[in-house]
Protein backbone atom coordinates (compact mmCIF):
# COMPACT_ATOMS: atom_id res chain seq x y z
CA MET A 1 62.56 -57.83 111.65
CA PHE A 2 61.27 -58.89 108.30
CA LYS A 3 63.98 -59.09 105.64
CA TRP A 4 63.40 -58.30 101.97
CA LYS A 5 65.80 -61.14 101.13
CA ARG A 6 63.15 -63.56 102.28
CA GLU A 7 60.57 -62.02 99.99
CA LYS A 8 62.99 -62.20 97.05
CA GLU A 9 63.18 -65.94 97.58
CA GLN A 10 59.37 -66.12 97.83
CA HIS A 11 59.04 -64.08 94.66
CA ALA A 12 61.30 -66.46 92.77
CA ALA A 13 59.33 -69.40 94.09
CA SER A 14 56.00 -67.82 93.11
CA LYS A 15 57.19 -67.49 89.52
CA SER A 16 57.76 -71.24 89.55
CA GLY A 17 54.21 -71.82 90.75
CA LEU A 18 55.26 -72.79 94.29
CA LEU A 19 53.48 -69.95 96.07
CA GLU A 20 50.05 -68.45 95.76
CA GLU A 21 49.71 -64.66 95.86
CA ASP A 22 48.21 -64.60 99.35
CA GLN A 23 51.16 -66.55 100.75
CA LEU A 24 53.43 -63.54 100.23
CA ALA A 25 51.99 -61.75 103.27
CA VAL A 26 54.43 -61.00 106.08
CA PRO A 27 54.00 -62.49 109.56
CA LYS A 28 51.61 -60.64 111.88
CA THR A 29 54.57 -59.73 114.08
CA GLY A 30 57.68 -57.81 113.09
CA THR A 31 58.04 -54.84 110.79
CA LEU A 32 57.73 -54.16 107.09
CA PRO A 33 60.26 -51.43 106.21
CA VAL A 34 60.36 -50.02 102.68
CA VAL A 35 61.76 -46.53 103.20
CA GLY A 36 63.32 -47.43 106.56
CA SER A 37 62.75 -49.27 109.84
CA GLN A 38 62.72 -45.93 111.71
CA PHE A 39 59.32 -45.32 110.13
CA CYS A 40 57.82 -48.54 111.54
CA THR A 41 56.06 -48.80 114.92
CA PRO A 42 55.77 -52.54 115.70
CA TYR A 43 53.05 -52.40 118.37
CA HIS A 44 50.87 -49.41 117.54
CA THR A 45 48.38 -48.44 114.87
CA LEU A 46 49.07 -44.94 113.56
CA VAL A 47 46.39 -42.58 112.33
CA PHE A 48 47.37 -39.58 110.23
CA SER A 49 45.30 -36.68 109.00
CA VAL A 50 45.99 -35.59 105.42
CA GLN A 51 44.94 -32.19 104.17
CA ARG A 52 45.04 -31.09 100.53
CA LYS A 53 45.79 -27.40 100.26
CA LYS A 54 45.31 -25.79 96.88
CA ARG A 55 47.59 -23.07 95.62
CA SER A 56 48.31 -21.52 92.23
CA LYS A 57 52.10 -21.36 92.03
CA THR A 58 52.75 -25.03 91.23
CA CYS A 59 51.79 -27.26 88.32
CA SER A 60 49.46 -29.37 90.46
CA GLY A 61 48.38 -26.48 92.66
CA VAL A 62 47.99 -28.86 95.61
CA ASP A 63 50.11 -29.34 98.72
CA LEU A 64 49.65 -32.27 101.08
CA VAL A 65 50.06 -31.71 104.82
CA ILE A 66 50.26 -34.81 107.02
CA SER A 67 49.72 -34.57 110.79
CA ASP A 68 49.55 -37.14 113.58
CA SER A 69 46.62 -37.69 115.95
CA ASP A 70 47.90 -34.87 118.19
CA GLY A 71 47.97 -32.40 115.32
CA GLN A 72 51.76 -32.39 115.05
CA LEU A 73 53.21 -31.98 111.55
CA ILE A 74 54.75 -35.25 110.35
CA ALA A 75 55.39 -34.60 106.66
CA ARG A 76 54.65 -32.15 103.89
CA VAL A 77 54.47 -32.61 100.14
CA ASP A 78 54.73 -29.50 98.00
CA GLY A 79 52.72 -29.25 94.79
CA ARG A 80 54.14 -30.90 91.70
CA GLU A 81 57.09 -29.14 90.11
CA CYS A 82 56.81 -28.01 86.50
CA SER A 83 59.20 -30.14 84.46
CA LEU A 84 59.25 -32.70 81.67
CA ARG A 85 58.99 -35.36 84.37
CA ASP A 86 56.48 -34.43 87.07
CA LYS A 87 58.09 -34.67 90.51
CA ARG A 88 56.95 -34.43 94.12
CA VAL A 89 59.08 -34.53 97.26
CA VAL A 90 57.98 -35.79 100.68
CA ARG A 91 59.68 -33.73 103.39
CA ASN A 92 59.74 -34.07 107.16
CA ALA A 93 58.59 -31.33 109.53
CA SER A 94 62.03 -29.68 109.26
CA GLY A 95 61.86 -29.55 105.47
CA GLU A 96 64.43 -32.27 104.83
CA PRO A 97 63.69 -34.40 101.72
CA LEU A 98 62.83 -38.00 102.58
CA VAL A 99 61.32 -39.45 99.42
CA THR A 100 61.22 -38.12 95.85
CA LEU A 101 58.45 -39.32 93.55
CA ARG A 102 58.87 -38.93 89.80
CA ARG A 103 56.51 -39.78 86.96
CA LYS A 104 58.05 -42.09 84.38
CA LEU A 105 58.47 -40.22 81.13
CA VAL A 106 56.97 -42.87 78.84
CA SER A 107 54.18 -44.81 80.49
CA ILE A 108 50.60 -45.58 79.48
CA ASN A 109 49.74 -46.79 83.00
CA HIS A 110 50.64 -43.61 84.89
CA LYS A 111 53.81 -45.11 86.33
CA TRP A 112 55.61 -43.35 89.19
CA GLU A 113 58.97 -44.16 90.75
CA ALA A 114 60.07 -43.44 94.32
CA PHE A 115 63.62 -42.67 95.44
CA ARG A 116 65.29 -42.22 98.81
CA GLY A 117 66.12 -38.58 99.54
CA GLU A 118 66.17 -35.97 96.78
CA LYS A 119 68.33 -37.66 94.14
CA THR A 120 66.76 -39.96 91.56
CA ASP A 121 69.57 -42.30 90.53
CA PRO A 122 68.63 -46.00 90.18
CA ALA A 123 70.57 -47.07 93.27
CA ARG A 124 68.21 -44.99 95.42
CA MET A 125 64.97 -46.44 94.04
CA LEU A 126 62.53 -47.62 96.71
CA PHE A 127 59.57 -48.81 94.63
CA SER A 128 57.52 -48.11 91.53
CA ALA A 129 53.74 -47.89 91.19
CA ARG A 130 51.33 -47.86 88.27
CA THR A 131 47.66 -48.31 87.56
CA SER A 132 46.68 -51.91 86.89
CA SER A 133 44.94 -50.91 83.64
CA VAL A 134 45.03 -47.99 81.23
CA LEU A 135 41.42 -47.00 81.88
CA GLN A 136 39.79 -47.56 85.26
CA LEU A 137 36.79 -46.19 87.12
CA LYS A 138 37.99 -47.26 90.56
CA THR A 139 41.42 -47.06 92.14
CA SER A 140 43.64 -50.05 91.39
CA VAL A 141 47.38 -49.48 91.72
CA ASN A 142 50.11 -52.12 91.60
CA VAL A 143 53.34 -51.51 93.52
CA TYR A 144 56.64 -53.22 92.74
CA MET A 145 59.92 -53.46 94.63
CA PRO A 146 63.13 -52.65 92.66
CA TYR A 147 64.20 -56.29 92.33
CA ASN A 148 60.86 -57.17 90.72
CA THR A 149 61.95 -55.94 87.30
CA GLU A 150 59.62 -58.15 85.26
CA GLU A 151 56.57 -56.91 87.18
CA GLU A 152 54.64 -60.10 86.51
CA GLN A 153 53.24 -60.07 90.04
CA TRP A 154 52.74 -57.05 92.28
CA ASN A 155 54.34 -56.77 95.72
CA PHE A 156 51.77 -54.33 97.13
CA LYS A 157 48.39 -53.21 95.88
CA VAL A 158 45.98 -50.35 96.53
CA LYS A 159 42.28 -50.79 95.76
CA GLY A 160 39.21 -48.64 96.33
CA ASP A 161 38.05 -45.21 95.27
CA TYR A 162 40.56 -42.49 96.07
CA LEU A 163 38.34 -39.71 94.71
CA GLU A 164 35.82 -40.70 97.38
CA ARG A 165 38.68 -41.05 99.89
CA SER A 166 38.19 -44.78 100.36
CA SER A 167 41.13 -47.12 99.67
CA VAL A 168 42.78 -50.20 101.15
CA PHE A 169 46.51 -51.00 100.94
CA TYR A 170 47.50 -54.66 100.65
CA TYR A 171 50.63 -56.76 101.00
CA GLY A 172 49.60 -60.14 99.65
CA ALA A 173 46.31 -60.92 101.39
CA ARG A 174 47.15 -58.74 104.38
CA THR A 175 45.64 -55.28 104.85
CA ILE A 176 48.43 -52.94 105.92
CA ALA A 177 46.74 -49.52 105.74
CA GLU A 178 43.40 -47.87 105.06
CA LEU A 179 42.34 -44.47 103.75
CA SER A 180 38.96 -42.99 104.66
CA ARG A 181 36.95 -39.78 104.99
CA LYS A 182 37.41 -37.81 108.20
CA ARG A 183 34.45 -37.11 110.47
CA SER A 184 33.79 -34.25 112.82
CA GLU A 185 33.17 -34.64 116.55
CA ASN A 186 29.44 -34.99 115.88
CA ASN A 187 30.14 -37.72 113.30
CA GLN A 188 29.56 -35.57 110.21
CA LEU A 189 31.70 -36.23 107.15
CA LEU A 190 34.20 -33.46 106.50
CA GLU A 191 35.15 -32.19 103.06
CA LYS A 192 37.10 -34.56 100.81
CA ASP A 193 40.27 -32.47 101.00
CA ILE A 194 40.70 -33.67 104.60
CA PHE A 195 40.96 -37.42 105.15
CA LEU A 196 42.51 -40.07 107.38
CA VAL A 197 45.17 -42.72 106.79
CA LYS A 198 45.38 -45.59 109.26
CA VAL A 199 48.68 -47.51 109.19
CA HIS A 200 48.73 -50.95 110.82
CA PRO A 201 51.42 -51.95 113.37
CA GLY A 202 54.85 -52.65 111.91
CA VAL A 203 54.15 -51.04 108.54
CA ASP A 204 56.38 -48.30 107.16
CA TYR A 205 54.19 -45.21 107.49
CA LEU A 206 56.40 -43.09 105.20
CA PHE A 207 55.93 -45.72 102.48
CA ILE A 208 52.16 -45.43 102.89
CA ILE A 209 52.33 -41.64 102.82
CA SER A 210 54.36 -41.85 99.61
CA LEU A 211 51.71 -44.09 98.06
CA VAL A 212 49.04 -41.55 99.01
CA VAL A 213 51.00 -39.00 96.98
CA VAL A 214 50.95 -41.38 94.01
CA LEU A 215 47.20 -41.88 94.39
CA ASP A 216 46.71 -38.12 94.49
CA GLU A 217 48.59 -37.79 91.21
CA ILE A 218 47.02 -40.57 89.17
CA SER A 219 43.41 -40.28 90.36
């Protein structure tokens, strides 16, 4: 199993000019846990269907419902709560909180922070994410692990066009997940509020789902 300790050493080396950005990619075997290894499937590609459901009783008015290829509910994200700091919670099918996402109070780059469970104390932080520039026409989001406090170099990146439901998730030079429009059985594109997320083998699918929530908020 891949250890974050190894990446910390690589990160330190990269700051000294010893590593190029694309050398930070993990091996093609093993797993890449961010939220937890229980959310990694080493030998299988996972495909999830994400549906945006609009409602009027929340600040964002949009719920996200995530199902597997068999139509079974995997996770649900209720619409953003009304508060000084916008917050969204990723819950499992039983309603238990898995990841809490909170918008940073003062941020010009739409920065969001992710925490394990429902509490948001610093010890529970999983990652942070922000747009790579203040103004952007396409999706470009940099993701940082908690130890990467200086944020001089991203640990993960998402690029594409989320509004058109087309994005690629990167770890170094390696593609770890893809987001795309969903098609019907006769190959017709479905509405944009229903789309697919393909997670590559060994990648933490709950981490990817959490990033989709961030994309939905900042796009």
